[in-house]
Amino acid sequence: MSMMLLSGSLLLAHAMLTLAMACAAIRLLRGPRAEDRVLALDTLYVSAMLVLLTIGMRGGNAHFFDAALVIGTLGFVATAALAKFLLRGEVIE
């Protein structure tokens, strides 16, 4: 019973995260300002990271966890660089 509940909840989480990625992609394409697009990109990479984690939990494969860690690290650096660019107009001082 608990394994069936876990599998169902992971499937539901996967579906909701995919829906969140679709909403973030729409905001990324239609965002009126650059700040909206950066926030949508941030939401998109976090959702992609969580989708990989749910796939890893469902399949029991540890490689998905490593990929999620790489996506999280690169997404954080990209968000920090884009925020600095929007604030100052340059990334490298």
Foldseek 3Di string as FASTA:
>chain_A
DVVVVLLVVLVVLLVVLVVQLVVLVVQLVPPPDPVSNLVSLLSNLLSVLVNLVSVCVVVVDCVSPVVSVVSVVVSVVVSVQVVVCVVPVDRDD
